[in-house]
C-alpha atoms as a PDB file:
ATOM      1  CA  UNK A   1      13.459  33.129  -5.432  1.00  0.00           C
ATOM      2  CA  UNK A   2      14.411  33.129  -1.747  1.00  0.00           C
ATOM      3  CA  UNK A   3      12.835  30.118  -0.031  1.00  0.00           C
ATOM      4  CA  UNK A   4      12.521  29.454   3.691  1.00  0.00           C
ATOM      5  CA  UNK A   5      12.906  25.751   4.509  1.00  0.00           C
ATOM      6  CA  UNK A   6      11.705  24.667   7.946  1.00  0.00           C
ATOM      7  CA  UNK A   7      12.727  21.230   9.207  1.00  0.00           C
ATOM      8  CA  UNK A   8      13.869  19.957  12.589  1.00  0.00           C
ATOM      9  CA  UNK A   9      15.934  17.273  10.822  1.00  0.00           C
ATOM     10  CA  UNK A  10      19.077  19.080   9.578  1.00  0.00           C
ATOM     11  CA  UNK A  11      19.789  16.435   6.933  1.00  0.00           C
ATOM     12  CA  UNK A  12      16.259  16.639   5.487  1.00  0.00           C
ATOM     13  CA  UNK A  13      16.418  20.448   5.486  1.00  0.00           C
ATOM     14  CA  UNK A  14      19.787  20.439   3.731  1.00  0.00           C
ATOM     15  CA  UNK A  15      18.503  17.944   1.143  1.00  0.00           C
ATOM     16  CA  UNK A  16      15.480  20.117   0.330  1.00  0.00           C
ATOM     17  CA  UNK A  17      17.752  23.168   0.123  1.00  0.00           C
ATOM     18  CA  UNK A  18      20.194  21.386  -2.196  1.00  0.00           C
ATOM     19  CA  UNK A  19      17.405  20.301  -4.546  1.00  0.00           C
ATOM     20  CA  UNK A  20      15.998  23.832  -4.723  1.00  0.00           C
ATOM     21  CA  UNK A  21      19.409  25.498  -4.994  1.00  0.00           C
ATOM     22  CA  UNK A  22      20.153  23.197  -7.968  1.00  0.00           C
ATOM     23  CA  UNK A  23      17.005  24.691  -9.526  1.00  0.00           C
ATOM     24  CA  UNK A  24      18.437  28.192  -9.040  1.00  0.00           C
ATOM     25  CA  UNK A  25      16.785  29.250  -5.785  1.00  0.00           C
ATOM     26  CA  UNK A  26      18.343  30.861  -2.714  1.00  0.00           C
ATOM     27  CA  UNK A  27      17.413  28.954   0.455  1.00  0.00           C
ATOM     28  CA  UNK A  28      17.520  29.813   4.143  1.00  0.00           C
ATOM     29  CA  UNK A  29      16.964  27.149   6.820  1.00  0.00           C
ATOM     30  CA  UNK A  30      15.074  27.237  10.126  1.00  0.00           C
ATOM     31  CA  UNK A  31      15.210  24.375  12.658  1.00  0.00           C
ATOM     32  CA  UNK A  32      11.628  24.819  13.902  1.00  0.00           C
ATOM     33  CA  UNK A  33       8.504  26.925  13.526  1.00  0.00           C
ATOM     34  CA  UNK A  34       9.439  29.585  16.079  1.00  0.00           C
ATOM     35  CA  UNK A  35      12.748  30.225  14.291  1.00  0.00           C
ATOM     36  CA  UNK A  36      10.820  30.357  10.998  1.00  0.00           C
ATOM     37  CA  UNK A  37       8.483  33.063  12.305  1.00  0.00           C
ATOM     38  CA  UNK A  38      11.491  35.082  13.464  1.00  0.00           C
ATOM     39  CA  UNK A  39      13.162  34.741  10.048  1.00  0.00           C
ATOM     40  CA  UNK A  40       9.960  35.747   8.262  1.00  0.00           C
ATOM     41  CA  UNK A  41       9.749  38.885  10.383  1.00  0.00           C
ATOM     42  CA  UNK A  42      13.388  39.779   9.674  1.00  0.00           C
ATOM     43  CA  UNK A  43      13.828  38.754   6.014  1.00  0.00           C
ATOM     44  CA  UNK A  44      11.362  40.411   3.640  1.00  0.00           C
ATOM     45  CA  UNK A  45      13.028  38.813   0.610  1.00  0.00           C
ATOM     46  CA  UNK A  46      11.550  35.385   1.413  1.00  0.00           C
ATOM     47  CA  UNK A  47       8.996  34.529  -1.265  1.00  0.00           C
ATOM     48  CA  UNK A  48       7.987  30.952  -0.417  1.00  0.00           C
ATOM     49  CA  UNK A  49       7.921  28.607   2.584  1.00  0.00           C
ATOM     50  CA  UNK A  50       8.594  24.860   2.550  1.00  0.00           C
ATOM     51  CA  UNK A  51       7.959  23.207   5.926  1.00  0.00           C
ATOM     52  CA  UNK A  52       8.075  19.756   7.420  1.00  0.00           C
ATOM     53  CA  UNK A  53       4.816  18.728   9.092  1.00  0.00           C
ATOM     54  CA  UNK A  54       6.003  16.961  12.242  1.00  0.00           C
ATOM     55  CA  UNK A  55       8.293  19.180  14.313  1.00  0.00           C
ATOM     56  CA  UNK A  56       8.691  20.053  17.996  1.00  0.00           C
ATOM     57  CA  UNK A  57       7.260  23.306  19.414  1.00  0.00           C
ATOM     58  CA  UNK A  58       4.774  23.872  16.569  1.00  0.00           C
ATOM     59  CA  UNK A  59       3.877  21.605  13.660  1.00  0.00           C
ATOM     60  CA  UNK A  60       4.090  22.646  10.039  1.00  0.00           C
ATOM     61  CA  UNK A  61       0.299  22.974   9.941  1.00  0.00           C
ATOM     62  CA  UNK A  62       0.342  25.212  13.037  1.00  0.00           C
ATOM     63  CA  UNK A  63       3.111  27.274  11.420  1.00  0.00           C
ATOM     64  CA  UNK A  64       0.955  27.697   8.305  1.00  0.00           C
ATOM     65  CA  UNK A  65      -2.021  28.795  10.404  1.00  0.00           C
ATOM     66  CA  UNK A  66       0.100  31.285  12.364  1.00  0.00           C
ATOM     67  CA  UNK A  67       1.555  32.561   9.078  1.00  0.00           C
ATOM     68  CA  UNK A  68      -1.995  33.229   7.833  1.00  0.00           C
ATOM     69  CA  UNK A  69      -3.121  34.741  11.158  1.00  0.00           C
ATOM     70  CA  UNK A  70      -0.298  37.264  10.861  1.00  0.00           C
ATOM     71  CA  UNK A  71      -1.693  38.342   7.482  1.00  0.00           C
ATOM     72  CA  UNK A  72       1.077  36.830   5.383  1.00  0.00           C
ATOM     73  CA  UNK A  73       0.183  35.439   1.983  1.00  0.00           C
ATOM     74  CA  UNK A  74       3.406  33.716   0.916  1.00  0.00           C
ATOM     75  CA  UNK A  75       2.890  30.358  -0.803  1.00  0.00           C
ATOM     76  CA  UNK A  76       3.354  27.547   1.734  1.00  0.00           C
ATOM     77  CA  UNK A  77       4.301  23.958   0.867  1.00  0.00           C
ATOM     78  CA  UNK A  78       3.954  21.299   3.547  1.00  0.00           C
ATOM     79  CA  UNK A  79       6.120  18.150   3.484  1.00  0.00           C
ATOM     80  CA  UNK A  80       4.886  15.017   5.229  1.00  0.00           C
ATOM     81  CA  UNK A  81       5.659  11.331   5.646  1.00  0.00           C
ATOM     82  CA  UNK A  82       1.916  10.681   5.954  1.00  0.00           C
ATOM     83  CA  UNK A  83      -0.886  10.724   3.389  1.00  0.00           C
ATOM     84  CA  UNK A  84      -0.972  14.333   2.088  1.00  0.00           C
ATOM     85  CA  UNK A  85      -4.701  14.474   1.232  1.00  0.00           C
ATOM     86  CA  UNK A  86      -6.096  14.818   4.787  1.00  0.00           C
ATOM     87  CA  UNK A  87      -3.613  17.618   5.500  1.00  0.00           C
ATOM     88  CA  UNK A  88      -4.585  19.482   2.342  1.00  0.00           C
ATOM     89  CA  UNK A  89      -8.244  19.092   3.339  1.00  0.00           C
ATOM     90  CA  UNK A  90      -7.490  20.600   6.797  1.00  0.00           C
ATOM     91  CA  UNK A  91      -5.797  23.644   5.257  1.00  0.00           C
ATOM     92  CA  UNK A  92      -7.007  24.269   1.693  1.00  0.00           C
ATOM     93  CA  UNK A  93      -4.927  27.466   1.482  1.00  0.00           C
ATOM     94  CA  UNK A  94      -1.711  25.462   1.299  1.00  0.00           C
ATOM     95  CA  UNK A  95       0.074  25.804  -2.047  1.00  0.00           C
ATOM     96  CA  UNK A  96       0.827  22.091  -1.879  1.00  0.00           C
ATOM     97  CA  UNK A  97       1.304  19.063   0.349  1.00  0.00           C
ATOM     98  CA  UNK A  98       4.023  16.662  -0.788  1.00  0.00           C
ATOM     99  CA  UNK A  99       5.145  13.273   0.450  1.00  0.00           C
ATOM    100  CA  UNK A 100       8.619  13.220   1.947  1.00  0.00           C
ATOM    101  CA  UNK A 101       9.802  10.301  -0.151  1.00  0.00           C
ATOM    102  CA  UNK A 102      12.326   9.473  -2.894  1.00  0.00           C
ATOM    103  CA  UNK A 103      10.271  11.384  -5.475  1.00  0.00           C
ATOM    104  CA  UNK A 104      10.636  14.640  -3.481  1.00  0.00           C
ATOM    105  CA  UNK A 105      13.744  15.640  -5.417  1.00  0.00           C
ATOM    106  CA  UNK A 106      11.505  15.801  -8.498  1.00  0.00           C
ATOM    107  CA  UNK A 107       8.136  16.825  -7.054  1.00  0.00           C
ATOM    108  CA  UNK A 108       9.408  19.705  -4.899  1.00  0.00           C
ATOM    109  CA  UNK A 109      11.272  21.626  -7.637  1.00  0.00           C
ATOM    110  CA  UNK A 110       8.394  20.977 -10.062  1.00  0.00           C
ATOM    111  CA  UNK A 111       5.831  22.463  -7.652  1.00  0.00           C
ATOM    112  CA  UNK A 112       8.111  25.416  -6.832  1.00  0.00           C
ATOM    113  CA  UNK A 113       8.600  26.055 -10.579  1.00  0.00           C
ATOM    114  CA  UNK A 114       4.822  26.068 -11.101  1.00  0.00           C
ATOM    115  CA  UNK A 115       4.281  28.440  -8.170  1.00  0.00           C
ATOM    116  CA  UNK A 116       7.098  30.723  -9.352  1.00  0.00           C
ATOM    117  CA  UNK A 117       5.584  30.883 -12.839  1.00  0.00           C
ATOM    118  CA  UNK A 118       2.137  31.599 -11.349  1.00  0.00           C
ATOM    119  CA  UNK A 119       3.561  34.388  -9.175  1.00  0.00           C
ATOM    120  CA  UNK A 120       5.456  35.890 -12.131  1.00  0.00           C
ATOM    121  CA  UNK A 121       2.240  35.867 -14.163  1.00  0.00           C
ATOM    122  CA  UNK A 122       0.362  37.667 -11.395  1.00  0.00           C
ATOM    123  CA  UNK A 123       3.056  40.337 -11.103  1.00  0.00           C
ATOM    124  CA  UNK A 124       3.231  40.745 -14.868  1.00  0.00           C
ATOM    125  CA  UNK A 125      -0.557  41.011 -15.072  1.00  0.00           C
ATOM    126  CA  UNK A 126      -0.584  43.785 -12.473  1.00  0.00           C
ATOM    127  CA  UNK A 127       2.048  45.826 -14.311  1.00  0.00           C
ATOM    128  CA  UNK A 128       0.303  45.583 -17.690  1.00  0.00           C
END
């Protein structure tokens, strides 16, 4: 799956990409939310978004809301250094909110694998 990773910290973005590429995914990076919106408009192969919460210009939560306003339905995972529960409560349509901590190299690929399996099941169910 082609995954858009949005993070203003290049090292954090590269780490998330490396973890997901090790799991067999193709990743493209955006430095901020505006660049992410431009990539989403240009690259129709993107199937999932992973975004940092705290970024300049627009936050990850604002990016998610804009994504939804534009009628897009791609799964969206938000990464945060704060408690994830209040963020999930603010935007229940998020596919997941994960802590940006040492466990991320396990939790992120596990959530992406679950979402990928769910999406494959939906597609398979439609073609049956």
